[in-house]
C-alpha atoms as a PDB file:
ATOM      1  CA  MET A   1     -28.237  -4.615 -14.766  1.00  0.00           C
ATOM      2  CA  ALA A   2     -24.761  -3.991 -14.199  1.00  0.00           C
ATOM      3  CA  THR A   3     -24.732  -3.331 -10.779  1.00  0.00           C
ATOM      4  CA  ILE A   4     -26.023  -7.034 -10.408  1.00  0.00           C
ATOM      5  CA  ILE A   5     -23.363  -8.203 -12.615  1.00  0.00           C
ATOM      6  CA  ILE A   6     -20.645  -6.372 -10.478  1.00  0.00           C
ATOM      7  CA  LEU A   7     -22.194  -7.498  -7.129  1.00  0.00           C
ATOM      8  CA  LEU A   8     -22.092 -10.831  -8.570  1.00  0.00           C
ATOM      9  CA  MET A   9     -18.528 -10.709  -9.224  1.00  0.00           C
ATOM     10  CA  VAL A  10     -17.788  -9.514  -6.051  1.00  0.00           C
ATOM     11  CA  LEU A  11     -19.765 -11.829  -4.333  1.00  0.00           C
ATOM     12  CA  LEU A  12     -17.814 -14.802  -6.344  1.00  0.00           C
ATOM     13  CA  LEU A  13     -14.290 -13.127  -5.314  1.00  0.00           C
ATOM     14  CA  VAL A  14     -15.333 -13.117  -1.779  1.00  0.00           C
ATOM     15  CA  ALA A  15     -16.384 -16.699  -1.529  1.00  0.00           C
ATOM     16  CA  VAL A  16     -13.350 -17.982  -3.671  1.00  0.00           C
ATOM     17  CA  PHE A  17     -10.986 -15.746  -1.548  1.00  0.00           C
ATOM     18  CA  SER A  18     -12.450 -17.166   2.462  1.00  0.00           C
ATOM     19  CA  VAL A  19     -12.174 -20.686   0.788  1.00  0.00           C
ATOM     20  CA  GLN A  20      -8.735 -20.531   0.104  1.00  0.00           C
ATOM     21  CA  ASN A  21      -8.478 -19.364   3.668  1.00  0.00           C
ATOM     22  CA  ALA A  22     -10.637 -21.931   5.416  1.00  0.00           C
ATOM     23  CA  VAL A  23      -8.591 -22.177   8.630  1.00  0.00           C
ATOM     24  CA  PRO A  24     -10.088 -21.557  12.087  1.00  0.00           C
ATOM     25  CA  VAL A  25      -9.790 -18.700  14.060  1.00  0.00           C
ATOM     26  CA  ALA A  26     -10.526 -17.239  17.344  1.00  0.00           C
ATOM     27  CA  ILE A  27     -12.760 -14.324  17.343  1.00  0.00           C
ATOM     28  CA  THR A  28     -13.191 -12.086  20.160  1.00  0.00           C
ATOM     29  CA  PHE A  29     -15.513  -8.726  20.331  1.00  0.00           C
ATOM     30  CA  LEU A  30     -16.611  -7.510  23.624  1.00  0.00           C
ATOM     31  CA  PHE A  31     -17.396 -10.285  26.068  1.00  0.00           C
ATOM     32  CA  TRP A  32     -17.864 -12.804  23.203  1.00  0.00           C
ATOM     33  CA  SER A  33     -14.958 -15.116  22.139  1.00  0.00           C
ATOM     34  CA  PHE A  34     -15.675 -17.848  20.085  1.00  0.00           C
ATOM     35  CA  GLU A  35     -13.609 -20.044  17.089  1.00  0.00           C
ATOM     36  CA  ALA A  36     -15.182 -19.975  13.569  1.00  0.00           C
ATOM     37  CA  SER A  37     -14.035 -20.877  10.379  1.00  0.00           C
ATOM     38  CA  LEU A  38     -11.692 -17.946   8.390  1.00  0.00           C
ATOM     39  CA  ALA A  39     -13.818 -18.076   5.467  1.00  0.00           C
ATOM     40  CA  ILE A  40     -17.181 -18.143   7.561  1.00  0.00           C
ATOM     41  CA  VAL A  41     -15.737 -14.634   9.130  1.00  0.00           C
ATOM     42  CA  ILE A  42     -14.973 -13.143   5.801  1.00  0.00           C
ATOM     43  CA  PHE A  43     -17.603 -13.713   4.212  1.00  0.00           C
ATOM     44  CA  LEU A  44     -20.204 -12.760   6.723  1.00  0.00           C
ATOM     45  CA  SER A  45     -18.365  -9.735   7.069  1.00  0.00           C
ATOM     46  CA  ALA A  46     -18.268  -9.054   3.269  1.00  0.00           C
ATOM     47  CA  ILE A  47     -21.964  -9.443   3.270  1.00  0.00           C
ATOM     48  CA  GLY A  48     -22.739  -6.982   6.276  1.00  0.00           C
ATOM     49  CA  GLY A  49     -20.683  -4.475   4.823  1.00  0.00           C
ATOM     50  CA  MET A  50     -22.582  -5.052   1.368  1.00  0.00           C
ATOM     51  CA  ILE A  51     -26.219  -4.563   3.640  1.00  0.00           C
ATOM     52  CA  ALA A  52     -24.462  -1.789   5.533  1.00  0.00           C
ATOM     53  CA  GLY A  53     -23.808   0.227   2.983  1.00  0.00           C
ATOM     54  CA  ALA A  54     -27.084  -0.157   0.895  1.00  0.00           C
ATOM     55  CA  ILE A  55     -29.090   1.094   3.933  1.00  0.00           C
ATOM     56  CA  ILE A  56     -26.669   4.309   4.142  1.00  0.00           C
ATOM     57  CA  THR A  57     -27.127   4.278   0.562  1.00  0.00           C
ATOM     58  CA  SER A  58     -30.821   4.427   0.236  1.00  0.00           C
ATOM     59  CA  LEU A  59     -31.095   6.276   3.980  1.00  0.00           C
ATOM     60  CA  ILE A  60     -29.080   9.205   1.998  1.00  0.00           C
ATOM     61  CA  ARG A  61     -30.921   8.700  -1.648  1.00  0.00           C
ATOM     62  CA  PHE A  62     -34.036   9.120  -0.599  1.00  0.00           C
ATOM     63  CA  LYS A  63     -33.458  11.972   2.155  1.00  0.00           C
ATOM     64  CA  PRO A  64     -35.201  14.877   1.267  1.00  0.00           C
ATOM     65  CA  SER A  65     -33.516  17.898   0.406  1.00  0.00           C
ATOM     66  CA  ALA A  66     -33.372  21.148   2.305  1.00  0.00           C
ATOM     67  CA  LYS A  67     -35.111  23.010  -0.445  1.00  0.00           C
ATOM     68  CA  GLN A  68     -38.036  20.611  -0.691  1.00  0.00           C
ATOM     69  CA  GLU A  69     -38.249  20.874   3.220  1.00  0.00           C
ATOM     70  CA  SER A  70     -38.557  24.842   3.188  1.00  0.00           C
ATOM     71  CA  LYS A  71     -41.526  24.090   0.830  1.00  0.00           C
ATOM     72  CA  LYS A  72     -43.219  21.696   3.088  1.00  0.00           C
ATOM     73  CA  ALA A  73     -42.988  24.363   5.827  1.00  0.00           C
ATOM     74  CA  SER A  74     -43.851  27.639   3.948  1.00  0.00           C
ATOM     75  CA  PRO A  75     -46.950  27.046   2.158  1.00  0.00           C
ATOM     76  CA  ASP A  76     -47.118  28.899  -1.500  1.00  0.00           C
ATOM     77  CA  ILE A  77     -50.088  31.654  -0.783  1.00  0.00           C
ATOM     78  CA  SER A  78     -51.734  32.688  -4.138  1.00  0.00           C
END
């Protein structure tokens, strides 16, 4: 529950920050170039970072450890 509250607080802070900085900016990435509101850029960057962090955390958390791998590789003969 605490994680959800912290996540909502961070999202609220990012939303307030991005609304206060709503000037148009030029975005250039590789071959693309376009203009967008700084608010949208900030908000999408924060959301993208949170999603990437969640994916990386889940991959690390659910990765089988080396000890479990060795148990699978060599079956116990009894």
